């Protein structure tokens, strides 16, 4: 009788613990849960970092566009003569030339500057916006912007999906204002009332559009 009670107690005592197999299964399940949690955490961190990078990139782009807006708003009402062609402003969807009282290049500290913006294509099907400046004091009759090379330009927006310019057309008789892709001095006189800059960083984000009202300033 005493022996039977002892065996029963031992059996009950054995059933209250964990076997080695149960312990291994528990540890495996716990490891899988930890791996899933860490994976989700890493995804969240990467998404947060990318979001921060996108915000920083958009802020930098808006700052650059703000500087371009200030320079365009400071156009000088003085004709440029380049390669026997005179104009106040000349441009198309991917380039723009004019004189401005505001310089973005620290090397030009006085006087008006000749400015040329160019959108260059990159190998990865993206575009970069670059610019060239030269003080008109140092511009001679031999100067031709078509002879500039890549080293003469400075990057403003080095990486974008698309950058383009549009020009507001003066209304004619019974016609309203309209945007056009070129401003050709042969057909368009003076300067446009406004210039539109369209920047698209990538396919997923909406384009950033800046409209610059042009108020020419007399050269002094």
N, C-alpha and C. Protein backbone atom coordinates (compact mmCIF):
# COMPACT_ATOMS: atom_id res chain seq x y z
N UNK A 1 0.84 -1.21 0.00
CA UNK A 1 0.00 0.00 0.00
C UNK A 1 0.86 1.25 0.00
N UNK A 2 1.82 1.29 0.83
CA UNK A 2 2.75 2.43 0.89
C UNK A 2 3.52 2.58 -0.38
N UNK A 3 3.91 1.44 -1.01
CA UNK A 3 4.67 1.47 -2.27
C UNK A 3 3.81 2.05 -3.37
N UNK A 4 2.51 1.67 -3.42
CA UNK A 4 1.62 2.20 -4.46
C UNK A 4 1.46 3.70 -4.33
N UNK A 5 1.31 4.18 -3.13
CA UNK A 5 1.19 5.63 -2.90
C UNK A 5 2.45 6.35 -3.36
N UNK A 6 3.60 5.75 -3.07
CA UNK A 6 4.87 6.36 -3.50
C UNK A 6 4.99 6.44 -4.99
N UNK A 7 4.59 5.35 -5.73
CA UNK A 7 4.66 5.35 -7.19
C UNK A 7 3.71 6.38 -7.79
N UNK A 8 2.50 6.50 -7.20
CA UNK A 8 1.52 7.46 -7.70
C UNK A 8 2.03 8.89 -7.51
N UNK A 9 2.61 9.16 -6.35
CA UNK A 9 3.17 10.50 -6.09
C UNK A 9 4.29 10.83 -7.04
N UNK A 10 5.13 9.85 -7.33
CA UNK A 10 6.25 10.08 -8.26
C UNK A 10 5.74 10.37 -9.65
N UNK A 11 4.67 9.64 -10.06
CA UNK A 11 4.12 9.85 -11.40
C UNK A 11 3.52 11.25 -11.52
N UNK A 12 2.77 11.64 -10.48
CA UNK A 12 2.19 12.98 -10.49
C UNK A 12 3.25 14.05 -10.51
N UNK A 13 4.33 13.84 -9.78
CA UNK A 13 5.42 14.80 -9.73
C UNK A 13 6.08 14.91 -11.09
N UNK A 14 6.18 13.79 -11.80
CA UNK A 14 6.80 13.81 -13.12
C UNK A 14 5.96 14.56 -14.13
N UNK A 15 4.62 14.47 -14.04
CA UNK A 15 3.75 15.14 -15.01
C UNK A 15 3.71 16.64 -14.83
N UNK A 16 4.15 17.21 -13.70
CA UNK A 16 4.11 18.66 -13.48
C UNK A 16 5.29 19.37 -14.11
N UNK A 17 6.32 18.74 -14.57
CA UNK A 17 7.49 19.36 -15.17
C UNK A 17 7.40 19.37 -16.69
N UNK A 18 8.51 19.81 -17.40
CA UNK A 18 8.61 19.87 -18.86
C UNK A 18 9.65 18.87 -19.31
N UNK A 19 9.32 18.19 -20.37
CA UNK A 19 10.32 17.29 -20.96
C UNK A 19 11.28 18.11 -21.82
N UNK A 20 12.40 17.54 -22.18
CA UNK A 20 13.40 18.23 -23.02
C UNK A 20 12.82 18.59 -24.38
N UNK A 21 11.98 17.70 -24.94
CA UNK A 21 11.37 17.97 -26.24
C UNK A 21 10.44 19.17 -26.18
N UNK A 22 9.62 19.23 -25.10
CA UNK A 22 8.73 20.37 -24.94
C UNK A 22 9.50 21.67 -24.80
N UNK A 23 10.61 21.61 -24.08
CA UNK A 23 11.44 22.81 -23.90
C UNK A 23 12.03 23.28 -25.22
N UNK A 24 12.51 22.33 -26.04
CA UNK A 24 13.08 22.68 -27.34
C UNK A 24 12.02 23.29 -28.25
N UNK A 25 10.81 22.73 -28.24
CA UNK A 25 9.72 23.27 -29.07
C UNK A 25 9.37 24.69 -28.63
N UNK A 26 9.32 24.90 -27.33
CA UNK A 26 9.00 26.23 -26.80
C UNK A 26 10.06 27.26 -27.22
N UNK A 27 11.34 26.86 -27.09
CA UNK A 27 12.42 27.76 -27.48
C UNK A 27 12.38 28.07 -28.98
N UNK A 28 12.03 27.07 -29.78
CA UNK A 28 11.94 27.28 -31.23
C UNK A 28 10.83 28.26 -31.58
N UNK A 29 9.66 28.08 -30.94
CA UNK A 29 8.54 29.00 -31.18
C UNK A 29 8.90 30.41 -30.74
N UNK A 30 9.56 30.51 -29.59
CA UNK A 30 9.96 31.82 -29.09
C UNK A 30 10.95 32.50 -30.04
N UNK A 31 11.88 31.70 -30.58
CA UNK A 31 12.86 32.25 -31.52
C UNK A 31 12.18 32.77 -32.78
N UNK A 32 11.21 32.00 -33.28
CA UNK A 32 10.47 32.43 -34.49
C UNK A 32 9.74 33.74 -34.23
N UNK A 33 9.11 33.84 -33.07
CA UNK A 33 8.38 35.07 -32.72
C UNK A 33 9.34 36.26 -32.65
N UNK A 34 10.52 36.04 -32.03
CA UNK A 34 11.51 37.12 -31.93
C UNK A 34 12.01 37.55 -33.30
N UNK A 35 12.22 36.57 -34.18
CA UNK A 35 12.68 36.89 -35.55
C UNK A 35 11.63 37.73 -36.28
N UNK A 36 10.36 37.36 -36.12
CA UNK A 36 9.28 38.12 -36.77
C UNK A 36 9.21 39.54 -36.22
N UNK A 37 9.33 39.67 -34.90
CA UNK A 37 9.27 40.99 -34.27
C UNK A 37 10.45 41.86 -34.73
N UNK A 38 11.66 41.29 -34.75
CA UNK A 38 12.84 42.05 -35.18
C UNK A 38 12.74 42.44 -36.64
N UNK A 39 12.20 41.51 -37.47
CA UNK A 39 12.03 41.83 -38.89
C UNK A 39 11.07 42.99 -39.10
N UNK A 40 9.96 42.96 -38.36
CA UNK A 40 8.99 44.05 -38.46
C UNK A 40 9.60 45.36 -37.97
N UNK A 41 10.41 45.27 -36.93
CA UNK A 41 11.07 46.46 -36.40
C UNK A 41 12.03 47.06 -37.43
N UNK A 42 12.80 46.18 -38.09
CA UNK A 42 13.73 46.67 -39.11
C UNK A 42 13.00 47.31 -40.27
N UNK A 43 11.89 46.70 -40.71
CA UNK A 43 11.10 47.29 -41.79
C UNK A 43 10.58 48.67 -41.38
N UNK A 44 10.13 48.75 -40.14
CA UNK A 44 9.64 50.04 -39.65
C UNK A 44 10.73 51.09 -39.61
N UNK A 45 11.93 50.71 -39.16
CA UNK A 45 13.05 51.64 -39.09
C UNK A 45 13.45 52.10 -40.49
N UNK A 46 13.50 51.15 -41.43
CA UNK A 46 13.87 51.52 -42.80
C UNK A 46 12.84 52.44 -43.43
N UNK A 47 11.56 52.17 -43.17
CA UNK A 47 10.50 53.04 -43.70
C UNK A 47 10.61 54.44 -43.10
N UNK A 48 10.91 54.51 -41.81
CA UNK A 48 11.08 55.81 -41.15
C UNK A 48 12.27 56.55 -41.72
N UNK A 49 13.41 55.83 -41.91
CA UNK A 49 14.60 56.48 -42.48
C UNK A 49 14.35 56.98 -43.88
N UNK A 50 13.64 56.18 -44.70
CA UNK A 50 13.33 56.61 -46.06
C UNK A 50 12.41 57.83 -46.05
N UNK A 51 11.45 57.81 -45.13
CA UNK A 51 10.56 58.97 -45.02
C UNK A 51 11.32 60.23 -44.65
N UNK A 52 12.28 60.09 -43.73
CA UNK A 52 13.11 61.23 -43.34
C UNK A 52 13.95 61.72 -44.51
N UNK A 53 14.51 60.78 -45.29
CA UNK A 53 15.31 61.15 -46.45
C UNK A 53 14.46 61.86 -47.49
N UNK A 54 13.23 61.37 -47.72
CA UNK A 54 12.34 62.00 -48.68
C UNK A 54 11.99 63.42 -48.24
N UNK A 55 11.74 63.58 -46.94
CA UNK A 55 11.41 64.91 -46.42
C UNK A 55 12.59 65.86 -46.61
N UNK A 56 13.80 65.38 -46.27
CA UNK A 56 15.00 66.21 -46.43
C UNK A 56 15.22 66.57 -47.89
N UNK A 57 15.04 65.59 -48.78
CA UNK A 57 15.23 65.83 -50.20
C UNK A 57 14.23 66.86 -50.73
N UNK A 58 12.97 66.73 -50.32
CA UNK A 58 11.95 67.69 -50.75
C UNK A 58 12.23 69.08 -50.21
N UNK A 59 12.71 69.16 -48.96
CA UNK A 59 13.03 70.45 -48.37
C UNK A 59 14.18 71.11 -49.13
N UNK A 60 15.21 70.32 -49.47
CA UNK A 60 16.34 70.88 -50.23
C UNK A 60 15.87 71.36 -51.60
N UNK A 61 15.02 70.57 -52.25
CA UNK A 61 14.51 70.95 -53.57
C UNK A 61 13.71 72.24 -53.49
N UNK A 62 12.88 72.38 -52.46
CA UNK A 62 12.08 73.59 -52.32
C UNK A 62 12.96 74.80 -52.03
N UNK A 63 14.04 74.61 -51.26
CA UNK A 63 14.97 75.71 -50.99
C UNK A 63 15.63 76.16 -52.29
N UNK A 64 16.08 75.18 -53.10
CA UNK A 64 16.71 75.51 -54.38
C UNK A 64 15.73 76.21 -55.30
N UNK A 65 14.50 75.71 -55.39
CA UNK A 65 13.50 76.35 -56.23
C UNK A 65 13.19 77.77 -55.73
N UNK A 66 13.26 77.96 -54.43
CA UNK A 66 13.06 79.30 -53.88
C UNK A 66 14.16 80.26 -54.32
N UNK A 67 15.41 79.76 -54.35
CA UNK A 67 16.53 80.59 -54.80
C UNK A 67 16.39 80.92 -56.29
N UNK A 68 15.99 79.92 -57.07
CA UNK A 68 15.78 80.15 -58.51
C UNK A 68 14.67 81.18 -58.71
N UNK A 69 13.63 81.08 -57.90
CA UNK A 69 12.52 82.03 -57.99
C UNK A 69 13.01 83.45 -57.72
N UNK A 70 13.86 83.62 -56.72
CA UNK A 70 14.39 84.94 -56.41
C UNK A 70 15.25 85.47 -57.56
N UNK A 71 16.05 84.59 -58.15
CA UNK A 71 16.91 85.03 -59.25
C UNK A 71 16.09 85.40 -60.49
N UNK A 72 15.07 84.61 -60.78
CA UNK A 72 14.20 84.93 -61.91
C UNK A 72 13.41 86.22 -61.67
N UNK A 73 13.03 86.44 -60.44
CA UNK A 73 12.28 87.65 -60.11
C UNK A 73 13.14 88.90 -60.24
N UNK A 74 14.46 88.72 -60.30
CA UNK A 74 15.39 89.85 -60.37
C UNK A 74 15.96 90.02 -61.78
N UNK A 75 15.20 89.62 -62.80
CA UNK A 75 15.66 89.76 -64.18
C UNK A 75 15.93 91.23 -64.51
N UNK A 76 17.04 91.46 -65.19
CA UNK A 76 17.42 92.82 -65.60
C UNK A 76 16.89 93.08 -67.00
N UNK A 77 16.26 94.23 -67.17
CA UNK A 77 15.71 94.59 -68.47
C UNK A 77 16.83 95.18 -69.33
N UNK A 78 17.70 94.30 -69.78
CA UNK A 78 18.81 94.69 -70.64
C UNK A 78 19.07 93.54 -71.59
N UNK A 79 19.17 93.84 -72.87
CA UNK A 79 19.32 92.79 -73.86
C UNK A 79 20.71 92.17 -73.81
N UNK A 80 20.73 90.86 -74.00
CA UNK A 80 21.98 90.11 -74.11
C UNK A 80 22.21 89.87 -75.60
N UNK A 81 23.44 90.06 -76.04
CA UNK A 81 23.77 89.75 -77.42
C UNK A 81 24.77 88.60 -77.43
N UNK A 82 24.32 87.46 -77.90
CA UNK A 82 25.15 86.26 -77.96
C UNK A 82 25.02 85.66 -79.35
N UNK A 83 26.17 85.50 -80.00
CA UNK A 83 26.19 84.90 -81.33
C UNK A 83 25.26 85.66 -82.28
N UNK A 84 25.38 87.00 -82.24
CA UNK A 84 24.63 87.91 -83.13
C UNK A 84 23.13 87.90 -82.87
N UNK A 85 22.69 87.35 -81.75
CA UNK A 85 21.27 87.35 -81.41
C UNK A 85 21.07 88.09 -80.09
N UNK A 86 20.14 89.04 -80.09
CA UNK A 86 19.88 89.83 -78.89
C UNK A 86 18.55 89.43 -78.27
N UNK A 87 18.51 89.36 -76.96
CA UNK A 87 17.27 88.97 -76.28
C UNK A 87 17.34 89.37 -74.81
N UNK A 88 16.15 89.52 -74.21
CA UNK A 88 16.05 89.72 -72.77
C UNK A 88 16.03 88.39 -72.05
N UNK A 89 15.30 87.46 -72.61
CA UNK A 89 15.16 86.12 -72.04
C UNK A 89 14.91 85.15 -73.18
N UNK A 90 15.55 84.00 -73.10
CA UNK A 90 15.36 82.96 -74.11
C UNK A 90 15.30 81.62 -73.40
N UNK A 91 14.37 80.76 -73.82
CA UNK A 91 14.29 79.47 -73.15
C UNK A 91 13.40 78.49 -73.86
N UNK A 92 13.53 77.25 -73.45
CA UNK A 92 12.64 76.18 -73.90
C UNK A 92 12.35 75.30 -72.70
N UNK A 93 11.85 74.10 -72.93
CA UNK A 93 11.46 73.24 -71.81
C UNK A 93 12.64 72.80 -70.97
N UNK A 94 13.86 72.78 -71.55
CA UNK A 94 15.01 72.23 -70.85
C UNK A 94 16.17 73.22 -70.69
N UNK A 95 15.96 74.49 -71.00
CA UNK A 95 17.01 75.48 -70.79
C UNK A 95 16.40 76.86 -70.67
N UNK A 96 17.17 77.79 -70.06
CA UNK A 96 16.68 79.13 -69.83
C UNK A 96 17.88 80.06 -69.66
N UNK A 97 17.86 81.23 -70.37
CA UNK A 97 18.94 82.20 -70.31
C UNK A 97 18.37 83.59 -70.04
N UNK A 98 19.06 84.37 -69.20
CA UNK A 98 18.62 85.73 -68.90
C UNK A 98 19.70 86.45 -68.10
N UNK A 99 19.50 87.75 -67.87
CA UNK A 99 20.35 88.53 -66.99
C UNK A 99 19.63 88.76 -65.67
N UNK A 100 20.36 88.70 -64.57
CA UNK A 100 19.74 88.89 -63.26
C UNK A 100 20.62 89.76 -62.38
N UNK A 101 19.97 90.46 -61.47
CA UNK A 101 20.71 91.25 -60.49
C UNK A 101 21.14 90.41 -59.29
N UNK A 102 20.60 89.18 -59.19
CA UNK A 102 20.91 88.30 -58.06
C UNK A 102 21.77 87.14 -58.51
N UNK A 103 22.86 86.93 -57.83
CA UNK A 103 23.77 85.84 -58.16
C UNK A 103 23.62 84.70 -57.15
N UNK A 104 23.65 83.46 -57.66
CA UNK A 104 23.67 82.29 -56.79
C UNK A 104 25.07 81.77 -56.58
N UNK A 105 26.01 82.26 -57.35
CA UNK A 105 27.41 81.86 -57.25
C UNK A 105 28.15 82.85 -56.35
N UNK A 106 28.74 82.38 -55.25
CA UNK A 106 29.44 83.29 -54.33
C UNK A 106 30.56 84.08 -55.00
N UNK A 107 31.04 83.62 -56.17
CA UNK A 107 32.12 84.32 -56.85
C UNK A 107 31.68 85.61 -57.51
N UNK A 108 30.38 85.78 -57.73
CA UNK A 108 29.86 87.00 -58.34
C UNK A 108 29.25 87.89 -57.26
N UNK A 109 30.02 88.84 -56.80
CA UNK A 109 29.59 89.63 -55.66
C UNK A 109 29.05 91.02 -56.04
N UNK A 110 29.14 91.38 -57.31
CA UNK A 110 28.67 92.71 -57.70
C UNK A 110 28.17 92.67 -59.14
N UNK A 111 27.27 93.62 -59.45
CA UNK A 111 26.80 93.77 -60.82
C UNK A 111 25.84 92.68 -61.26
N UNK A 112 25.38 92.83 -62.50
CA UNK A 112 24.45 91.86 -63.08
C UNK A 112 25.21 90.64 -63.58
N UNK A 113 24.50 89.51 -63.64
CA UNK A 113 25.13 88.26 -64.08
C UNK A 113 24.29 87.64 -65.19
N UNK A 114 25.00 87.03 -66.12
CA UNK A 114 24.33 86.20 -67.13
C UNK A 114 24.11 84.83 -66.53
N UNK A 115 22.88 84.32 -66.66
CA UNK A 115 22.52 83.04 -66.04
C UNK A 115 21.99 82.09 -67.12
N UNK A 116 22.41 80.86 -67.04
CA UNK A 116 21.85 79.84 -67.92
C UNK A 116 21.55 78.59 -67.10
N UNK A 117 20.27 78.17 -67.12
CA UNK A 117 19.86 76.91 -66.51
C UNK A 117 19.76 75.86 -67.62
N UNK A 118 20.23 74.67 -67.32
CA UNK A 118 20.15 73.57 -68.29
C UNK A 118 19.72 72.30 -67.56
N UNK A 119 18.80 71.57 -68.17
CA UNK A 119 18.40 70.26 -67.65
C UNK A 119 19.16 69.20 -68.43
N UNK A 120 19.99 68.45 -67.74
CA UNK A 120 20.82 67.44 -68.39
C UNK A 120 20.27 66.04 -68.10
N UNK A 121 20.29 65.20 -69.10
CA UNK A 121 19.85 63.82 -68.94
C UNK A 121 20.97 62.98 -68.33
N UNK A 122 20.57 62.03 -67.48
CA UNK A 122 21.53 61.13 -66.85
C UNK A 122 21.33 59.71 -67.38
N UNK A 123 22.31 58.85 -67.10
CA UNK A 123 22.26 57.50 -67.63
C UNK A 123 21.13 56.67 -67.04
N UNK A 124 20.68 56.98 -65.84
CA UNK A 124 19.65 56.20 -65.17
C UNK A 124 18.24 56.71 -65.48
N UNK A 125 18.08 57.37 -66.63
CA UNK A 125 16.80 57.91 -67.08
C UNK A 125 16.27 58.99 -66.14
N UNK A 126 17.16 59.62 -65.42
CA UNK A 126 16.80 60.75 -64.58
C UNK A 126 17.43 62.02 -65.16
N UNK A 127 17.14 63.15 -64.52
CA UNK A 127 17.64 64.42 -65.00
C UNK A 127 18.24 65.22 -63.85
N UNK A 128 19.14 66.13 -64.19
CA UNK A 128 19.72 67.03 -63.20
C UNK A 128 19.61 68.46 -63.71
N UNK A 129 19.35 69.38 -62.81
CA UNK A 129 19.27 70.79 -63.15
C UNK A 129 20.58 71.46 -62.74
N UNK A 130 21.28 72.03 -63.72
CA UNK A 130 22.55 72.70 -63.46
C UNK A 130 22.45 74.14 -63.93
N UNK A 131 23.40 74.98 -63.49
CA UNK A 131 23.37 76.37 -63.92
C UNK A 131 24.78 76.90 -64.11
N UNK A 132 24.85 77.95 -64.95
CA UNK A 132 26.11 78.64 -65.21
C UNK A 132 25.87 80.13 -64.99
N UNK A 133 26.85 80.79 -64.40
CA UNK A 133 26.79 82.23 -64.18
C UNK A 133 28.09 82.88 -64.62
N UNK A 134 27.95 84.11 -65.14
CA UNK A 134 29.14 84.91 -65.42
C UNK A 134 28.76 86.37 -65.31
N UNK A 135 29.59 87.12 -64.58
CA UNK A 135 29.37 88.55 -64.46
C UNK A 135 29.50 89.19 -65.83
N UNK A 136 28.56 90.08 -66.17
CA UNK A 136 28.58 90.67 -67.52
C UNK A 136 29.83 91.51 -67.76
N UNK A 137 30.48 91.91 -66.68
CA UNK A 137 31.73 92.66 -66.83
C UNK A 137 32.79 91.82 -67.54
N UNK A 138 32.73 90.50 -67.32
CA UNK A 138 33.74 89.60 -67.87
C UNK A 138 33.27 88.88 -69.12
N UNK A 139 32.14 89.31 -69.68
CA UNK A 139 31.65 88.70 -70.91
C UNK A 139 32.14 89.50 -72.11
N UNK A 140 32.82 88.83 -73.03
CA UNK A 140 33.30 89.51 -74.24
C UNK A 140 32.47 89.06 -75.44
N UNK A 141 32.77 89.63 -76.59
CA UNK A 141 32.01 89.32 -77.80
C UNK A 141 32.22 87.89 -78.27
N UNK A 142 33.30 87.27 -77.82
CA UNK A 142 33.59 85.90 -78.24
C UNK A 142 32.85 84.86 -77.40
N UNK A 143 32.22 85.31 -76.32
CA UNK A 143 31.56 84.36 -75.43
C UNK A 143 30.37 83.71 -76.12
N UNK A 144 30.31 82.40 -76.04
CA UNK A 144 29.19 81.64 -76.60
C UNK A 144 28.84 80.52 -75.64
N UNK A 145 27.64 80.56 -75.03
CA UNK A 145 27.25 79.53 -74.05
C UNK A 145 27.17 78.14 -74.64
N UNK A 146 27.10 78.04 -75.97
CA UNK A 146 27.05 76.72 -76.59
C UNK A 146 28.39 76.00 -76.47
N UNK A 147 29.44 76.76 -76.17
CA UNK A 147 30.78 76.17 -76.07
C UNK A 147 31.12 75.75 -74.63
N UNK A 148 30.19 75.92 -73.71
CA UNK A 148 30.45 75.55 -72.32
C UNK A 148 30.48 74.03 -72.19
N UNK A 149 31.32 73.53 -71.27
CA UNK A 149 31.34 72.09 -71.01
C UNK A 149 30.77 71.82 -69.62
N UNK A 150 30.71 70.56 -69.25
CA UNK A 150 30.08 70.17 -67.98
C UNK A 150 30.77 70.79 -66.77
N UNK A 151 32.08 71.02 -66.86
CA UNK A 151 32.82 71.57 -65.72
C UNK A 151 32.47 73.03 -65.45
N UNK A 152 31.85 73.69 -66.41
CA UNK A 152 31.48 75.10 -66.23
C UNK A 152 30.17 75.26 -65.45
N UNK A 153 29.43 74.18 -65.28
CA UNK A 153 28.12 74.24 -64.64
C UNK A 153 28.20 73.77 -63.19
N UNK A 154 27.26 74.28 -62.39
CA UNK A 154 27.11 73.86 -60.99
C UNK A 154 25.76 73.18 -60.83
N UNK A 155 25.74 72.13 -60.03
CA UNK A 155 24.49 71.37 -59.84
C UNK A 155 23.57 72.10 -58.87
N UNK A 156 22.32 72.24 -59.25
CA UNK A 156 21.30 72.77 -58.37
C UNK A 156 20.43 71.64 -57.81
N UNK A 157 19.92 70.81 -58.71
CA UNK A 157 19.14 69.63 -58.32
C UNK A 157 19.77 68.46 -59.05
N UNK A 158 20.62 67.67 -58.37
CA UNK A 158 21.40 66.64 -59.06
C UNK A 158 20.62 65.40 -59.47
N UNK A 159 19.46 65.16 -58.86
CA UNK A 159 18.76 63.90 -59.11
C UNK A 159 17.25 64.13 -59.11
N UNK A 160 16.63 64.02 -60.28
CA UNK A 160 15.18 64.20 -60.39
C UNK A 160 14.65 63.34 -61.52
N UNK A 161 13.38 63.05 -61.45
CA UNK A 161 12.74 62.29 -62.52
C UNK A 161 12.53 63.16 -63.75
N UNK A 162 12.13 64.42 -63.50
CA UNK A 162 11.87 65.33 -64.61
C UNK A 162 11.90 66.76 -64.12
N UNK A 163 12.54 67.64 -64.92
CA UNK A 163 12.54 69.07 -64.65
C UNK A 163 12.22 69.78 -65.96
N UNK A 164 11.32 70.77 -65.91
CA UNK A 164 10.97 71.47 -67.14
C UNK A 164 10.53 72.90 -66.83
N UNK A 165 10.60 73.75 -67.88
CA UNK A 165 10.18 75.14 -67.78
C UNK A 165 9.01 75.39 -68.73
N UNK A 166 8.13 76.31 -68.33
CA UNK A 166 7.06 76.79 -69.20
C UNK A 166 6.97 78.30 -69.06
N UNK A 167 6.44 78.96 -70.10
CA UNK A 167 6.44 80.42 -70.16
C UNK A 167 5.02 80.92 -70.44
N UNK A 168 4.62 81.92 -69.69
CA UNK A 168 3.27 82.46 -69.84
C UNK A 168 3.24 83.40 -71.04
N UNK A 169 2.36 83.11 -71.99
CA UNK A 169 2.23 83.88 -73.22
C UNK A 169 1.33 85.09 -73.01
N UNK A 170 1.80 86.24 -73.51
CA UNK A 170 0.98 87.45 -73.44
C UNK A 170 -0.31 87.23 -74.21
N UNK A 171 -1.43 87.67 -73.67
CA UNK A 171 -2.70 87.47 -74.39
C UNK A 171 -2.79 88.39 -75.60
N UNK A 172 -3.37 87.87 -76.67
CA UNK A 172 -3.62 88.69 -77.84
C UNK A 172 -5.09 89.07 -77.90
N UNK A 173 -5.53 89.50 -79.04
CA UNK A 173 -6.93 89.87 -79.20
C UNK A 173 -7.81 88.63 -79.05
N UNK A 174 -8.78 88.74 -78.15
CA UNK A 174 -9.74 87.66 -77.90
C UNK A 174 -9.05 86.36 -77.48
N UNK A 175 -7.88 86.49 -76.88
CA UNK A 175 -7.16 85.31 -76.41
C UNK A 175 -6.80 85.48 -74.95
N UNK A 176 -6.80 84.39 -74.24
CA UNK A 176 -6.45 84.42 -72.82
C UNK A 176 -4.98 84.08 -72.64
N UNK A 177 -4.47 84.23 -71.42
CA UNK A 177 -3.12 83.81 -71.11
C UNK A 177 -3.00 82.29 -71.32
N UNK A 178 -1.86 81.86 -71.80
CA UNK A 178 -1.63 80.43 -71.96
C UNK A 178 -0.15 80.13 -71.77
N UNK A 179 0.12 78.91 -71.33
CA UNK A 179 1.50 78.48 -71.10
C UNK A 179 2.04 77.84 -72.37
N UNK A 180 3.31 78.15 -72.67
CA UNK A 180 3.97 77.57 -73.82
C UNK A 180 5.34 77.04 -73.42
N UNK A 181 5.88 76.10 -74.21
CA UNK A 181 7.12 75.42 -73.84
C UNK A 181 8.37 76.17 -74.27
N UNK A 182 8.24 77.21 -75.08
CA UNK A 182 9.41 77.96 -75.52
C UNK A 182 9.16 79.46 -75.40
N UNK A 183 10.26 80.19 -75.28
CA UNK A 183 10.22 81.65 -75.36
C UNK A 183 11.33 82.05 -76.32
N UNK A 184 10.92 82.24 -77.59
CA UNK A 184 11.86 82.53 -78.66
C UNK A 184 11.82 84.02 -78.99
N UNK A 185 12.95 84.74 -78.86
CA UNK A 185 12.96 86.18 -79.12
C UNK A 185 12.51 86.54 -80.54
N UNK A 186 12.60 85.60 -81.47
CA UNK A 186 12.16 85.88 -82.84
C UNK A 186 10.64 86.03 -82.91
N UNK A 187 9.94 85.34 -82.04
CA UNK A 187 8.48 85.37 -82.05
C UNK A 187 7.87 86.02 -80.82
N UNK A 188 8.61 86.01 -79.71
CA UNK A 188 8.10 86.53 -78.44
C UNK A 188 8.93 87.74 -78.02
N UNK A 189 8.28 88.86 -77.84
CA UNK A 189 8.98 90.08 -77.47
C UNK A 189 9.05 90.25 -75.96
N UNK A 190 10.09 90.96 -75.52
CA UNK A 190 10.23 91.25 -74.10
C UNK A 190 10.48 89.99 -73.28
N UNK A 191 9.84 89.97 -72.11
CA UNK A 191 9.95 88.82 -71.22
C UNK A 191 8.55 88.31 -70.90
N UNK A 192 8.40 87.04 -70.56
CA UNK A 192 7.07 86.52 -70.20
C UNK A 192 6.60 87.08 -68.87
N UNK A 193 5.29 87.23 -68.69
CA UNK A 193 4.78 87.70 -67.39
C UNK A 193 5.13 86.75 -66.24
N UNK A 194 5.34 85.47 -66.57
CA UNK A 194 5.68 84.50 -65.53
C UNK A 194 6.37 83.30 -66.16
N UNK A 195 7.14 82.62 -65.33
CA UNK A 195 7.81 81.38 -65.73
C UNK A 195 7.42 80.29 -64.74
N UNK A 196 7.08 79.12 -65.27
CA UNK A 196 6.71 77.99 -64.41
C UNK A 196 7.84 76.97 -64.40
N UNK A 197 8.18 76.52 -63.21
CA UNK A 197 9.19 75.46 -63.05
C UNK A 197 8.49 74.24 -62.50
N UNK A 198 8.63 73.12 -63.18
CA UNK A 198 7.99 71.87 -62.76
C UNK A 198 9.06 70.85 -62.41
N UNK A 199 9.02 70.37 -61.18
CA UNK A 199 10.01 69.40 -60.71
C UNK A 199 9.30 68.14 -60.23
N UNK A 200 9.67 67.02 -60.79
CA UNK A 200 9.12 65.73 -60.34
C UNK A 200 10.29 64.89 -59.85
N UNK A 201 10.31 64.59 -58.56
CA UNK A 201 11.43 63.87 -57.96
C UNK A 201 11.46 62.41 -58.37
N UNK A 202 10.30 61.74 -58.35
CA UNK A 202 10.22 60.35 -58.75
C UNK A 202 8.80 60.04 -59.20
N UNK A 203 8.57 58.79 -59.60
CA UNK A 203 7.27 58.42 -60.15
C UNK A 203 6.17 58.40 -59.10
N UNK A 204 6.53 58.20 -57.84
CA UNK A 204 5.53 58.02 -56.79
C UNK A 204 5.03 59.33 -56.20
N UNK A 205 5.85 60.38 -56.26
CA UNK A 205 5.47 61.64 -55.63
C UNK A 205 4.89 62.61 -56.66
N UNK A 206 4.03 63.49 -56.16
CA UNK A 206 3.44 64.50 -57.03
C UNK A 206 4.49 65.56 -57.40
N UNK A 207 4.39 66.15 -58.58
CA UNK A 207 5.38 67.16 -58.98
C UNK A 207 5.26 68.43 -58.14
N UNK A 208 6.39 69.11 -57.98
CA UNK A 208 6.43 70.40 -57.31
C UNK A 208 6.41 71.47 -58.40
N UNK A 209 5.45 72.40 -58.31
CA UNK A 209 5.32 73.44 -59.32
C UNK A 209 5.52 74.81 -58.68
N UNK A 210 6.41 75.59 -59.27
CA UNK A 210 6.67 76.95 -58.80
C UNK A 210 6.41 77.92 -59.95
N UNK A 211 5.57 78.91 -59.72
CA UNK A 211 5.30 79.93 -60.72
C UNK A 211 5.95 81.24 -60.27
N UNK A 212 6.83 81.76 -61.12
CA UNK A 212 7.59 82.97 -60.80
C UNK A 212 7.04 84.13 -61.61
N UNK A 213 6.56 85.12 -60.93
CA UNK A 213 6.11 86.34 -61.61
C UNK A 213 7.33 87.16 -62.00
N UNK A 214 7.40 87.56 -63.26
CA UNK A 214 8.55 88.30 -63.76
C UNK A 214 8.26 89.79 -63.70
N UNK A 215 9.07 90.51 -62.92
CA UNK A 215 8.98 91.97 -62.83
C UNK A 215 10.37 92.51 -63.17
N UNK A 216 10.63 92.80 -64.43
CA UNK A 216 11.98 93.22 -64.84
C UNK A 216 12.44 94.48 -64.11
N UNK A 217 13.74 94.55 -63.87
CA UNK A 217 14.34 95.71 -63.22
C UNK A 217 15.28 96.39 -64.20
N UNK A 218 15.27 97.71 -64.19
CA UNK A 218 16.16 98.46 -65.07
C UNK A 218 17.59 98.31 -64.60
N UNK A 219 18.50 98.15 -65.56
CA UNK A 219 19.91 98.03 -65.23
C UNK A 219 20.46 99.39 -64.84
N UNK A 220 21.17 99.42 -63.72
CA UNK A 220 21.71 100.71 -63.25
C UNK A 220 23.23 100.70 -63.32
